[in-house]
């Protein structure tokens, strides 16, 4: 009579094969196409180039935050002179963008039409949801959302311009109206 352990091997193989198939089908897994994920190198380029753009144009000191497609921090920097609230504000702009699939300037316009809904979203997200200009969706060439970048410290349109520049310099596509 065969050992009971031998009978387990075919079951274990089937279970592992099924797990591999499920993992391959889930977005964001290690088996996903690397072009459909934001890399640390790309995120760092966005931050660096956004700050360079702000310095060249004389914007107030910025904080730049880059989140991945699930709203998790990928990269961030706070310039000397940017106050302590800027990180939270930049994060909130990027978080709102990636959560709603629209840049924060678009969300700011939508919030004017339905303020109660956006107040509820902010409360639901524990205050991390800020529909104000300065958060921009990051897409790849195929249009897949890779994440969002947010900036805070200057005027909203300047924050937005800085992250748009950073996203473009990283070889990615900023998703903003009119582009």
C-alpha atoms as a PDB file:
ATOM      1  CA  UNK A   1       0.000   0.000   0.000  1.00  0.00           C
ATOM      2  CA  UNK A   2       1.415   3.394  -0.997  1.00  0.00           C
ATOM      3  CA  UNK A   3       2.251   5.943   1.645  1.00  0.00           C
ATOM      4  CA  UNK A   4      -0.496   8.566   2.245  1.00  0.00           C
ATOM      5  CA  UNK A   5       2.078  11.253   1.455  1.00  0.00           C
ATOM      6  CA  UNK A   6       2.478   9.985  -2.121  1.00  0.00           C
ATOM      7  CA  UNK A   7      -1.241  10.529  -2.760  1.00  0.00           C
ATOM      8  CA  UNK A   8      -0.854  14.168  -1.750  1.00  0.00           C
ATOM      9  CA  UNK A   9       1.710  15.028  -4.445  1.00  0.00           C
ATOM     10  CA  UNK A  10      -0.743  15.141  -7.381  1.00  0.00           C
ATOM     11  CA  UNK A  11      -3.113  17.296  -5.315  1.00  0.00           C
ATOM     12  CA  UNK A  12      -0.334  19.651  -4.358  1.00  0.00           C
ATOM     13  CA  UNK A  13       0.764  19.958  -8.014  1.00  0.00           C
ATOM     14  CA  UNK A  14      -2.812  20.735  -9.095  1.00  0.00           C
ATOM     15  CA  UNK A  15      -3.168  23.301  -6.321  1.00  0.00           C
ATOM     16  CA  UNK A  16       0.103  24.996  -7.277  1.00  0.00           C
ATOM     17  CA  UNK A  17      -0.877  25.052 -10.954  1.00  0.00           C
ATOM     18  CA  UNK A  18      -4.273  26.565 -10.103  1.00  0.00           C
ATOM     19  CA  UNK A  19      -2.612  29.164  -7.865  1.00  0.00           C
ATOM     20  CA  UNK A  20      -0.251  30.154 -10.664  1.00  0.00           C
ATOM     21  CA  UNK A  21      -3.177  30.618 -13.062  1.00  0.00           C
ATOM     22  CA  UNK A  22      -5.039  32.792 -10.567  1.00  0.00           C
ATOM     23  CA  UNK A  23      -1.935  34.870  -9.836  1.00  0.00           C
ATOM     24  CA  UNK A  24      -1.354  35.439 -13.551  1.00  0.00           C
ATOM     25  CA  UNK A  25      -4.906  36.719 -13.951  1.00  0.00           C
ATOM     26  CA  UNK A  26      -4.757  39.199 -11.046  1.00  0.00           C
ATOM     27  CA  UNK A  27      -3.605  42.755 -11.839  1.00  0.00           C
ATOM     28  CA  UNK A  28      -0.616  44.037  -9.924  1.00  0.00           C
ATOM     29  CA  UNK A  29       0.899  40.638  -9.202  1.00  0.00           C
ATOM     30  CA  UNK A  30       4.538  39.806  -9.694  1.00  0.00           C
ATOM     31  CA  UNK A  31       3.603  38.054 -12.912  1.00  0.00           C
ATOM     32  CA  UNK A  32       1.996  41.186 -14.424  1.00  0.00           C
ATOM     33  CA  UNK A  33       3.525  42.878 -17.459  1.00  0.00           C
ATOM     34  CA  UNK A  34       6.229  45.242 -16.111  1.00  0.00           C
ATOM     35  CA  UNK A  35       5.096  47.956 -18.566  1.00  0.00           C
ATOM     36  CA  UNK A  36       1.760  48.054 -16.756  1.00  0.00           C
ATOM     37  CA  UNK A  37       3.355  49.010 -13.421  1.00  0.00           C
ATOM     38  CA  UNK A  38       5.033  52.181 -12.221  1.00  0.00           C
ATOM     39  CA  UNK A  39       8.686  51.569 -11.417  1.00  0.00           C
ATOM     40  CA  UNK A  40      10.665  53.204  -8.631  1.00  0.00           C
ATOM     41  CA  UNK A  41      12.982  54.687 -11.251  1.00  0.00           C
ATOM     42  CA  UNK A  42      10.031  56.313 -13.057  1.00  0.00           C
ATOM     43  CA  UNK A  43       8.576  57.610  -9.784  1.00  0.00           C
ATOM     44  CA  UNK A  44      11.908  59.101  -8.738  1.00  0.00           C
ATOM     45  CA  UNK A  45      12.289  60.742 -12.162  1.00  0.00           C
ATOM     46  CA  UNK A  46       8.838  62.313 -11.819  1.00  0.00           C
ATOM     47  CA  UNK A  47       9.766  63.765  -8.426  1.00  0.00           C
ATOM     48  CA  UNK A  48      13.190  65.023  -9.499  1.00  0.00           C
ATOM     49  CA  UNK A  49      12.030  66.570 -12.775  1.00  0.00           C
ATOM     50  CA  UNK A  50       8.970  68.173 -11.165  1.00  0.00           C
ATOM     51  CA  UNK A  51      11.177  69.887  -8.584  1.00  0.00           C
ATOM     52  CA  UNK A  52      13.659  70.980 -11.277  1.00  0.00           C
ATOM     53  CA  UNK A  53      10.770  72.460 -13.279  1.00  0.00           C
ATOM     54  CA  UNK A  54       9.515  74.336 -10.208  1.00  0.00           C
ATOM     55  CA  UNK A  55      12.986  75.756  -9.478  1.00  0.00           C
ATOM     56  CA  UNK A  56      13.459  76.903 -13.102  1.00  0.00           C
ATOM     57  CA  UNK A  57      10.154  78.789 -12.948  1.00  0.00           C
ATOM     58  CA  UNK A  58      10.563  80.239  -9.477  1.00  0.00           C
ATOM     59  CA  UNK A  59       7.611  78.428  -7.890  1.00  0.00           C
ATOM     60  CA  UNK A  60       7.363  78.325  -4.101  1.00  0.00           C
ATOM     61  CA  UNK A  61       9.007  75.245  -2.514  1.00  0.00           C
ATOM     62  CA  UNK A  62       7.071  72.075  -3.341  1.00  0.00           C
ATOM     63  CA  UNK A  63       6.423  68.647  -1.979  1.00  0.00           C
ATOM     64  CA  UNK A  64       5.979  66.010  -4.689  1.00  0.00           C
ATOM     65  CA  UNK A  65       4.351  62.645  -4.046  1.00  0.00           C
ATOM     66  CA  UNK A  66       3.980  59.715  -6.452  1.00  0.00           C
ATOM     67  CA  UNK A  67       1.500  56.931  -5.700  1.00  0.00           C
ATOM     68  CA  UNK A  68       1.083  53.625  -7.514  1.00  0.00           C
ATOM     69  CA  UNK A  69      -2.204  52.408  -9.004  1.00  0.00           C
ATOM     70  CA  UNK A  70      -3.395  51.201  -5.604  1.00  0.00           C
ATOM     71  CA  UNK A  71      -2.760  54.538  -3.884  1.00  0.00           C
ATOM     72  CA  UNK A  72       0.407  53.419  -2.116  1.00  0.00           C
ATOM     73  CA  UNK A  73       3.442  55.683  -1.795  1.00  0.00           C
ATOM     74  CA  UNK A  74       6.118  55.047  -4.416  1.00  0.00           C
ATOM     75  CA  UNK A  75       8.289  58.197  -4.054  1.00  0.00           C
ATOM     76  CA  UNK A  76       8.200  61.593  -2.349  1.00  0.00           C
ATOM     77  CA  UNK A  77      10.350  64.613  -1.592  1.00  0.00           C
ATOM     78  CA  UNK A  78       9.720  67.805   0.352  1.00  0.00           C
ATOM     79  CA  UNK A  79      11.854  70.727  -0.735  1.00  0.00           C
ATOM     80  CA  UNK A  80      13.624  72.858   1.838  1.00  0.00           C
ATOM     81  CA  UNK A  81      11.178  75.565   2.847  1.00  0.00           C
ATOM     82  CA  UNK A  82       8.014  73.571   2.074  1.00  0.00           C
ATOM     83  CA  UNK A  83       5.909  73.444   5.230  1.00  0.00           C
ATOM     84  CA  UNK A  84       4.941  70.301   7.087  1.00  0.00           C
ATOM     85  CA  UNK A  85       1.399  70.135   5.664  1.00  0.00           C
ATOM     86  CA  UNK A  86       2.560  69.912   2.064  1.00  0.00           C
ATOM     87  CA  UNK A  87       3.194  66.169   2.158  1.00  0.00           C
ATOM     88  CA  UNK A  88      -0.365  65.437   3.285  1.00  0.00           C
ATOM     89  CA  UNK A  89      -1.856  67.860   0.757  1.00  0.00           C
ATOM     90  CA  UNK A  90       0.199  66.481  -2.156  1.00  0.00           C
ATOM     91  CA  UNK A  91      -0.713  62.942  -1.105  1.00  0.00           C
ATOM     92  CA  UNK A  92      -4.401  63.867  -0.923  1.00  0.00           C
ATOM     93  CA  UNK A  93      -4.348  65.307  -4.438  1.00  0.00           C
ATOM     94  CA  UNK A  94      -2.658  62.221  -5.892  1.00  0.00           C
ATOM     95  CA  UNK A  95      -4.873  59.867  -3.862  1.00  0.00           C
ATOM     96  CA  UNK A  96      -8.046  61.565  -5.118  1.00  0.00           C
ATOM     97  CA  UNK A  97      -6.805  61.286  -8.694  1.00  0.00           C
ATOM     98  CA  UNK A  98      -5.935  57.613  -8.587  1.00  0.00           C
ATOM     99  CA  UNK A  99      -9.052  56.732  -6.565  1.00  0.00           C
ATOM    100  CA  UNK A 100     -11.441  58.421  -8.987  1.00  0.00           C
ATOM    101  CA  UNK A 101      -9.507  57.874 -12.230  1.00  0.00           C
ATOM    102  CA  UNK A 102      -9.347  61.593 -12.997  1.00  0.00           C
ATOM    103  CA  UNK A 103      -6.883  64.379 -12.379  1.00  0.00           C
ATOM    104  CA  UNK A 104      -7.625  66.499  -9.334  1.00  0.00           C
ATOM    105  CA  UNK A 105      -8.371  69.636 -11.386  1.00  0.00           C
ATOM    106  CA  UNK A 106     -11.232  67.688 -13.022  1.00  0.00           C
ATOM    107  CA  UNK A 107     -12.365  66.516  -9.592  1.00  0.00           C
ATOM    108  CA  UNK A 108     -12.309  70.105  -8.292  1.00  0.00           C
ATOM    109  CA  UNK A 109     -14.779  71.062 -11.045  1.00  0.00           C
ATOM    110  CA  UNK A 110     -16.977  68.059 -10.294  1.00  0.00           C
ATOM    111  CA  UNK A 111     -16.944  68.920  -6.584  1.00  0.00           C
ATOM    112  CA  UNK A 112     -18.534  72.292  -7.342  1.00  0.00           C
ATOM    113  CA  UNK A 113     -21.543  70.502  -8.838  1.00  0.00           C
ATOM    114  CA  UNK A 114     -21.901  67.897  -6.079  1.00  0.00           C
ATOM    115  CA  UNK A 115     -20.161  69.120  -2.901  1.00  0.00           C
ATOM    116  CA  UNK A 116     -21.886  66.705  -0.523  1.00  0.00           C
ATOM    117  CA  UNK A 117     -20.641  63.697  -2.471  1.00  0.00           C
ATOM    118  CA  UNK A 118     -17.050  64.963  -2.367  1.00  0.00           C
ATOM    119  CA  UNK A 119     -17.279  65.787   1.341  1.00  0.00           C
ATOM    120  CA  UNK A 120     -18.430  62.210   1.878  1.00  0.00           C
ATOM    121  CA  UNK A 121     -15.522  60.880  -0.200  1.00  0.00           C
ATOM    122  CA  UNK A 122     -13.040  62.870   1.872  1.00  0.00           C
ATOM    123  CA  UNK A 123     -14.573  61.545   5.090  1.00  0.00           C
ATOM    124  CA  UNK A 124     -14.588  57.984   3.765  1.00  0.00           C
ATOM    125  CA  UNK A 125     -10.891  58.276   2.855  1.00  0.00           C
ATOM    126  CA  UNK A 126      -9.986  59.591   6.325  1.00  0.00           C
ATOM    127  CA  UNK A 127      -9.163  62.999   4.883  1.00  0.00           C
ATOM    128  CA  UNK A 128      -6.700  61.688   2.262  1.00  0.00           C
ATOM    129  CA  UNK A 129      -8.996  62.755  -0.590  1.00  0.00           C
ATOM    130  CA  UNK A 130      -8.348  66.328  -1.823  1.00  0.00           C
ATOM    131  CA  UNK A 131     -10.019  67.309  -5.109  1.00  0.00           C
ATOM    132  CA  UNK A 132      -7.826  70.376  -5.745  1.00  0.00           C
ATOM    133  CA  UNK A 133      -5.562  71.148  -8.730  1.00  0.00           C
ATOM    134  CA  UNK A 134      -2.128  69.584  -8.454  1.00  0.00           C
ATOM    135  CA  UNK A 135      -2.831  65.849  -8.731  1.00  0.00           C
ATOM    136  CA  UNK A 136      -2.335  64.195 -12.123  1.00  0.00           C
ATOM    137  CA  UNK A 137      -3.000  60.632 -13.249  1.00  0.00           C
ATOM    138  CA  UNK A 138      -0.032  58.753 -14.703  1.00  0.00           C
ATOM    139  CA  UNK A 139      -0.721  56.515 -17.699  1.00  0.00           C
ATOM    140  CA  UNK A 140       1.473  54.404 -19.944  1.00  0.00           C
ATOM    141  CA  UNK A 141       1.343  54.651 -23.753  1.00  0.00           C
ATOM    142  CA  UNK A 142      -1.482  52.068 -23.857  1.00  0.00           C
ATOM    143  CA  UNK A 143      -3.603  54.212 -21.526  1.00  0.00           C
ATOM    144  CA  UNK A 144      -3.313  52.010 -18.436  1.00  0.00           C
ATOM    145  CA  UNK A 145      -3.389  53.960 -15.171  1.00  0.00           C
ATOM    146  CA  UNK A 146      -0.068  53.421 -13.391  1.00  0.00           C
ATOM    147  CA  UNK A 147      -0.666  55.819 -10.506  1.00  0.00           C
ATOM    148  CA  UNK A 148      -0.825  59.537  -9.814  1.00  0.00           C
ATOM    149  CA  UNK A 149       1.525  62.356  -8.873  1.00  0.00           C
ATOM    150  CA  UNK A 150       0.582  65.192  -6.565  1.00  0.00           C
ATOM    151  CA  UNK A 151       2.282  68.467  -5.719  1.00  0.00           C
ATOM    152  CA  UNK A 152       1.667  71.088  -3.074  1.00  0.00           C
ATOM    153  CA  UNK A 153       3.349  74.345  -2.171  1.00  0.00           C
ATOM    154  CA  UNK A 154       2.699  76.679  -5.078  1.00  0.00           C
ATOM    155  CA  UNK A 155      -0.545  77.755  -6.744  1.00  0.00           C
ATOM    156  CA  UNK A 156      -2.647  74.795  -7.917  1.00  0.00           C
ATOM    157  CA  UNK A 157      -1.918  75.364 -11.600  1.00  0.00           C
ATOM    158  CA  UNK A 158       1.812  75.558 -10.811  1.00  0.00           C
ATOM    159  CA  UNK A 159       1.665  72.361  -8.765  1.00  0.00           C
ATOM    160  CA  UNK A 160      -0.055  70.682 -11.706  1.00  0.00           C
ATOM    161  CA  UNK A 161       2.460  72.040 -14.250  1.00  0.00           C
ATOM    162  CA  UNK A 162       5.354  70.689 -12.194  1.00  0.00           C
ATOM    163  CA  UNK A 163       4.010  67.132 -11.995  1.00  0.00           C
ATOM    164  CA  UNK A 164       2.947  67.144 -15.656  1.00  0.00           C
ATOM    165  CA  UNK A 165       6.532  67.994 -16.577  1.00  0.00           C
ATOM    166  CA  UNK A 166       7.885  65.268 -14.286  1.00  0.00           C
ATOM    167  CA  UNK A 167       5.530  62.650 -15.733  1.00  0.00           C
ATOM    168  CA  UNK A 168       6.483  63.553 -19.302  1.00  0.00           C
ATOM    169  CA  UNK A 169      10.199  63.479 -18.461  1.00  0.00           C
ATOM    170  CA  UNK A 170       9.738  59.953 -17.083  1.00  0.00           C
ATOM    171  CA  UNK A 171       8.436  58.894 -20.520  1.00  0.00           C
ATOM    172  CA  UNK A 172       4.869  58.512 -19.278  1.00  0.00           C
ATOM    173  CA  UNK A 173       1.574  60.181 -20.135  1.00  0.00           C
ATOM    174  CA  UNK A 174      -0.050  62.776 -17.866  1.00  0.00           C
ATOM    175  CA  UNK A 175      -3.830  62.507 -17.958  1.00  0.00           C
ATOM    176  CA  UNK A 176      -5.150  66.054 -17.826  1.00  0.00           C
ATOM    177  CA  UNK A 177      -7.861  67.811 -19.842  1.00  0.00           C
ATOM    178  CA  UNK A 178      -6.673  69.411 -23.057  1.00  0.00           C
ATOM    179  CA  UNK A 179      -3.524  67.297 -23.474  1.00  0.00           C
END
